Amino acid sequence: MDTQKDTHTDTNARSQVDLLLVEDSPLIREALIEAFSASGIVALRSAAATAQQAIVALQTRHFDLAVIDLELEEGTGFEVLAHIANTQSDNPPFRVVLTNHAFPLYEKRARQLGIEHFFDKSMHFDDAVNAIEKEAQRLLNIASG
């Protein structure tokens, strides 16, 4: 009998998708958590303020979604994106970058590492939340049918 639980939860058995939030600003973290809890379909499963905390979380469980800031307390979001690209290429989380450093060179690098969306926090915060919720709904729809 296998006593270890699979780290990837079956989406069919739930009504929420699992989110990893990689953000060092408590204010932004709280705003995102509040926005996602209002939708009811995005469940924060782990939050990280450093690249290493995020990598440990990714090694511990599978996430459906990952919202990643580029500038962190220690390390960068690029380290987290590279870890996902190198270790979860067969089933990566849907990746969204939400940053105050929305430079074209950063976006290009992040896209090379597999992100689906790149948003400037100061200008497109609501757009980012809407895109994440839309993707969460899409994932739930795929799982249910």
C-alpha atoms as a PDB file:
ATOM      1  CA  MET A   1       0.000   0.000   0.000  1.00  0.00           C
ATOM      2  CA  ASP A   2       1.364   3.407  -0.992  1.00  0.00           C
ATOM      3  CA  THR A   3       1.200   5.774   1.961  1.00  0.00           C
ATOM      4  CA  GLN A   4       2.686   8.780   0.188  1.00  0.00           C
ATOM      5  CA  LYS A   5       0.207  11.186  -1.270  1.00  0.00           C
ATOM      6  CA  ASP A   6       0.801  12.415  -4.797  1.00  0.00           C
ATOM      7  CA  THR A   7       2.002  16.016  -4.758  1.00  0.00           C
ATOM      8  CA  HIS A   8      -0.280  16.870  -7.674  1.00  0.00           C
ATOM      9  CA  THR A   9      -3.844  17.093  -6.456  1.00  0.00           C
ATOM     10  CA  ASP A  10      -6.451  15.908  -8.933  1.00  0.00           C
ATOM     11  CA  THR A  11      -8.239  19.004 -10.198  1.00  0.00           C
ATOM     12  CA  ASN A  12     -11.412  16.929 -10.786  1.00  0.00           C
ATOM     13  CA  ALA A  13     -11.912  16.563  -7.036  1.00  0.00           C
ATOM     14  CA  ARG A  14     -11.856  20.266  -6.235  1.00  0.00           C
ATOM     15  CA  SER A  15     -13.362  23.593  -7.067  1.00  0.00           C
ATOM     16  CA  GLN A  16     -10.178  25.650  -6.650  1.00  0.00           C
ATOM     17  CA  VAL A  17      -6.757  25.792  -8.244  1.00  0.00           C
ATOM     18  CA  ASP A  18      -3.575  25.893  -6.183  1.00  0.00           C
ATOM     19  CA  LEU A  19      -1.520  29.098  -6.234  1.00  0.00           C
ATOM     20  CA  LEU A  20       2.094  29.791  -5.352  1.00  0.00           C
ATOM     21  CA  LEU A  21       2.593  33.501  -4.710  1.00  0.00           C
ATOM     22  CA  VAL A  22       6.205  34.710  -4.926  1.00  0.00           C
ATOM     23  CA  GLU A  23       6.097  38.312  -3.715  1.00  0.00           C
ATOM     24  CA  ASP A  24       8.207  40.128  -1.132  1.00  0.00           C
ATOM     25  CA  SER A  25       5.904  43.102  -0.555  1.00  0.00           C
ATOM     26  CA  PRO A  26       3.434  42.410   2.271  1.00  0.00           C
ATOM     27  CA  LEU A  27       1.092  45.058   0.853  1.00  0.00           C
ATOM     28  CA  ILE A  28       0.995  43.496  -2.623  1.00  0.00           C
ATOM     29  CA  ARG A  29       0.706  39.995  -1.123  1.00  0.00           C
ATOM     30  CA  GLU A  30      -2.311  41.079   0.934  1.00  0.00           C
ATOM     31  CA  ALA A  31      -3.951  42.787  -2.057  1.00  0.00           C
ATOM     32  CA  LEU A  32      -3.527  39.677  -4.201  1.00  0.00           C
ATOM     33  CA  ILE A  33      -4.755  37.351  -1.477  1.00  0.00           C
ATOM     34  CA  GLU A  34      -7.821  39.541  -0.994  1.00  0.00           C
ATOM     35  CA  ALA A  35      -8.532  39.646  -4.723  1.00  0.00           C
ATOM     36  CA  PHE A  36      -8.179  35.884  -5.141  1.00  0.00           C
ATOM     37  CA  SER A  37     -10.223  35.020  -2.070  1.00  0.00           C
ATOM     38  CA  ALA A  38     -13.068  37.120  -3.492  1.00  0.00           C
ATOM     39  CA  SER A  39     -13.165  34.914  -6.605  1.00  0.00           C
ATOM     40  CA  GLY A  40     -13.336  31.693  -4.617  1.00  0.00           C
ATOM     41  CA  ILE A  41     -11.586  29.649  -7.311  1.00  0.00           C
ATOM     42  CA  VAL A  42      -7.945  30.509  -6.562  1.00  0.00           C
ATOM     43  CA  ALA A  43      -6.562  29.043  -3.344  1.00  0.00           C
ATOM     44  CA  LEU A  44      -3.276  30.371  -1.990  1.00  0.00           C
ATOM     45  CA  ARG A  45      -1.312  27.266  -1.003  1.00  0.00           C
ATOM     46  CA  SER A  46       2.063  28.887  -0.402  1.00  0.00           C
ATOM     47  CA  ALA A  47       3.641  32.340  -0.348  1.00  0.00           C
ATOM     48  CA  ALA A  48       7.336  33.092  -0.639  1.00  0.00           C
ATOM     49  CA  ALA A  49       9.339  36.290  -0.243  1.00  0.00           C
ATOM     50  CA  THR A  50      12.646  34.824  -1.485  1.00  0.00           C
ATOM     51  CA  ALA A  51      13.684  32.701  -4.432  1.00  0.00           C
ATOM     52  CA  GLN A  52      14.816  29.903  -2.115  1.00  0.00           C
ATOM     53  CA  GLN A  53      11.478  29.804  -0.259  1.00  0.00           C
ATOM     54  CA  ALA A  54       9.690  29.537  -3.611  1.00  0.00           C
ATOM     55  CA  ILE A  55      11.970  26.750  -4.826  1.00  0.00           C
ATOM     56  CA  VAL A  56      11.429  24.791  -1.612  1.00  0.00           C
ATOM     57  CA  ALA A  57       7.656  25.191  -2.044  1.00  0.00           C
ATOM     58  CA  LEU A  58       7.914  23.968  -5.646  1.00  0.00           C
ATOM     59  CA  GLN A  59       9.895  20.931  -4.500  1.00  0.00           C
ATOM     60  CA  THR A  60       7.238  20.151  -1.897  1.00  0.00           C
ATOM     61  CA  ARG A  61       4.085  20.215  -4.023  1.00  0.00           C
ATOM     62  CA  HIS A  62       2.666  20.932  -7.448  1.00  0.00           C
ATOM     63  CA  PHE A  63       0.927  24.255  -8.092  1.00  0.00           C
ATOM     64  CA  ASP A  64      -1.533  25.008 -10.866  1.00  0.00           C
ATOM     65  CA  LEU A  65      -0.610  28.704 -10.909  1.00  0.00           C
ATOM     66  CA  ALA A  66       2.475  30.685  -9.942  1.00  0.00           C
ATOM     67  CA  VAL A  67       2.466  34.478  -9.626  1.00  0.00           C
ATOM     68  CA  ILE A  68       6.068  35.650  -9.497  1.00  0.00           C
ATOM     69  CA  ASP A  69       7.650  39.017  -8.762  1.00  0.00           C
ATOM     70  CA  LEU A  70      11.111  39.534 -10.243  1.00  0.00           C
ATOM     71  CA  GLU A  71      12.711  41.503  -7.382  1.00  0.00           C
ATOM     72  CA  LEU A  72      12.604  39.554  -4.120  1.00  0.00           C
ATOM     73  CA  GLU A  73      14.032  39.897  -0.601  1.00  0.00           C
ATOM     74  CA  GLU A  74      16.759  37.473  -1.655  1.00  0.00           C
ATOM     75  CA  GLY A  75      17.311  36.189  -5.151  1.00  0.00           C
ATOM     76  CA  THR A  76      15.112  36.944  -8.117  1.00  0.00           C
ATOM     77  CA  GLY A  77      11.997  35.663  -9.793  1.00  0.00           C
ATOM     78  CA  PHE A  78      14.217  34.593 -12.693  1.00  0.00           C
ATOM     79  CA  GLU A  79      15.743  31.940 -10.409  1.00  0.00           C
ATOM     80  CA  VAL A  80      12.262  30.639  -9.647  1.00  0.00           C
ATOM     81  CA  LEU A  81      11.285  30.634 -13.325  1.00  0.00           C
ATOM     82  CA  ALA A  82      14.505  28.818 -14.246  1.00  0.00           C
ATOM     83  CA  HIS A  83      13.843  26.211 -11.541  1.00  0.00           C
ATOM     84  CA  ILE A  84      10.366  25.581 -12.944  1.00  0.00           C
ATOM     85  CA  ALA A  85      11.694  25.382 -16.518  1.00  0.00           C
ATOM     86  CA  ASN A  86      14.434  22.952 -15.495  1.00  0.00           C
ATOM     87  CA  THR A  87      12.455  20.679 -13.177  1.00  0.00           C
ATOM     88  CA  GLN A  88       8.793  20.831 -14.171  1.00  0.00           C
ATOM     89  CA  SER A  89       8.881  21.009 -17.951  1.00  0.00           C
ATOM     90  CA  ASP A  90       6.368  18.145 -18.252  1.00  0.00           C
ATOM     91  CA  ASN A  91       3.695  19.782 -16.047  1.00  0.00           C
ATOM     92  CA  PRO A  92       4.626  23.341 -15.078  1.00  0.00           C
ATOM     93  CA  PRO A  93       2.276  25.702 -13.298  1.00  0.00           C
ATOM     94  CA  PHE A  94       0.722  28.503 -15.348  1.00  0.00           C
ATOM     95  CA  ARG A  95       3.241  31.311 -14.758  1.00  0.00           C
ATOM     96  CA  VAL A  96       2.489  35.012 -14.449  1.00  0.00           C
ATOM     97  CA  VAL A  97       5.085  37.694 -13.738  1.00  0.00           C
ATOM     98  CA  LEU A  98       3.804  40.695 -11.795  1.00  0.00           C
ATOM     99  CA  THR A  99       6.585  43.240 -11.319  1.00  0.00           C
ATOM    100  CA  ASN A 100       7.448  46.901 -10.895  1.00  0.00           C
ATOM    101  CA  HIS A 101      10.402  46.266 -13.230  1.00  0.00           C
ATOM    102  CA  ALA A 102       8.499  45.803 -16.489  1.00  0.00           C
ATOM    103  CA  PHE A 103      11.429  46.373 -18.818  1.00  0.00           C
ATOM    104  CA  PRO A 104      11.342  44.808 -22.305  1.00  0.00           C
ATOM    105  CA  LEU A 105      14.592  42.922 -21.643  1.00  0.00           C
ATOM    106  CA  TYR A 106      13.134  41.415 -18.444  1.00  0.00           C
ATOM    107  CA  GLU A 107       9.956  40.428 -20.249  1.00  0.00           C
ATOM    108  CA  LYS A 108      11.951  38.775 -23.036  1.00  0.00           C
ATOM    109  CA  ARG A 109      14.021  36.795 -20.527  1.00  0.00           C
ATOM    110  CA  ALA A 110      10.925  35.765 -18.556  1.00  0.00           C
ATOM    111  CA  ARG A 111       9.161  34.616 -21.731  1.00  0.00           C
ATOM    112  CA  GLN A 112      12.217  32.533 -22.635  1.00  0.00           C
ATOM    113  CA  LEU A 113      11.719  30.846 -19.254  1.00  0.00           C
ATOM    114  CA  GLY A 114       8.129  29.964 -20.108  1.00  0.00           C
ATOM    115  CA  ILE A 115       5.857  32.595 -18.606  1.00  0.00           C
ATOM    116  CA  GLU A 116       2.391  33.059 -20.016  1.00  0.00           C
ATOM    117  CA  HIS A 117       1.779  36.668 -18.887  1.00  0.00           C
ATOM    118  CA  PHE A 118       3.946  39.632 -17.895  1.00  0.00           C
ATOM    119  CA  PHE A 119       2.332  42.548 -16.036  1.00  0.00           C
ATOM    120  CA  ASP A 120       3.500  45.846 -14.591  1.00  0.00           C
ATOM    121  CA  LYS A 121       2.146  46.018 -11.018  1.00  0.00           C
ATOM    122  CA  SER A 122       1.732  49.761 -11.013  1.00  0.00           C
ATOM    123  CA  MET A 123      -0.192  49.910 -14.289  1.00  0.00           C
ATOM    124  CA  HIS A 124      -1.871  46.522 -14.838  1.00  0.00           C
ATOM    125  CA  PHE A 125      -2.597  45.052 -11.415  1.00  0.00           C
ATOM    126  CA  ASP A 126      -6.308  44.490 -12.124  1.00  0.00           C
ATOM    127  CA  ASP A 127      -5.497  43.042 -15.548  1.00  0.00           C
ATOM    128  CA  ALA A 128      -3.150  40.556 -13.877  1.00  0.00           C
ATOM    129  CA  VAL A 129      -5.797  39.486 -11.356  1.00  0.00           C
ATOM    130  CA  ASN A 130      -8.352  39.077 -14.167  1.00  0.00           C
ATOM    131  CA  ALA A 131      -5.935  37.009 -16.275  1.00  0.00           C
ATOM    132  CA  ILE A 132      -5.118  34.742 -13.322  1.00  0.00           C
ATOM    133  CA  GLU A 133      -8.788  34.218 -12.475  1.00  0.00           C
ATOM    134  CA  LYS A 134      -9.581  33.516 -16.146  1.00  0.00           C
ATOM    135  CA  GLU A 135      -6.819  30.902 -16.267  1.00  0.00           C
ATOM    136  CA  ALA A 136      -8.036  29.373 -12.990  1.00  0.00           C
ATOM    137  CA  GLN A 137     -11.524  29.033 -14.455  1.00  0.00           C
ATOM    138  CA  ARG A 138     -10.079  27.502 -17.627  1.00  0.00           C
ATOM    139  CA  LEU A 139      -8.155  24.917 -15.585  1.00  0.00           C
ATOM    140  CA  LEU A 140     -11.249  24.005 -13.613  1.00  0.00           C
ATOM    141  CA  ASN A 141     -13.317  23.705 -16.796  1.00  0.00           C
ATOM    142  CA  ILE A 142     -10.733  21.372 -18.359  1.00  0.00           C
ATOM    143  CA  ALA A 143     -10.676  19.232 -15.231  1.00  0.00           C
ATOM    144  CA  SER A 144     -14.444  18.934 -15.024  1.00  0.00           C
ATOM    145  CA  GLY A 145     -15.063  18.002 -18.470  1.00  0.00           C
END
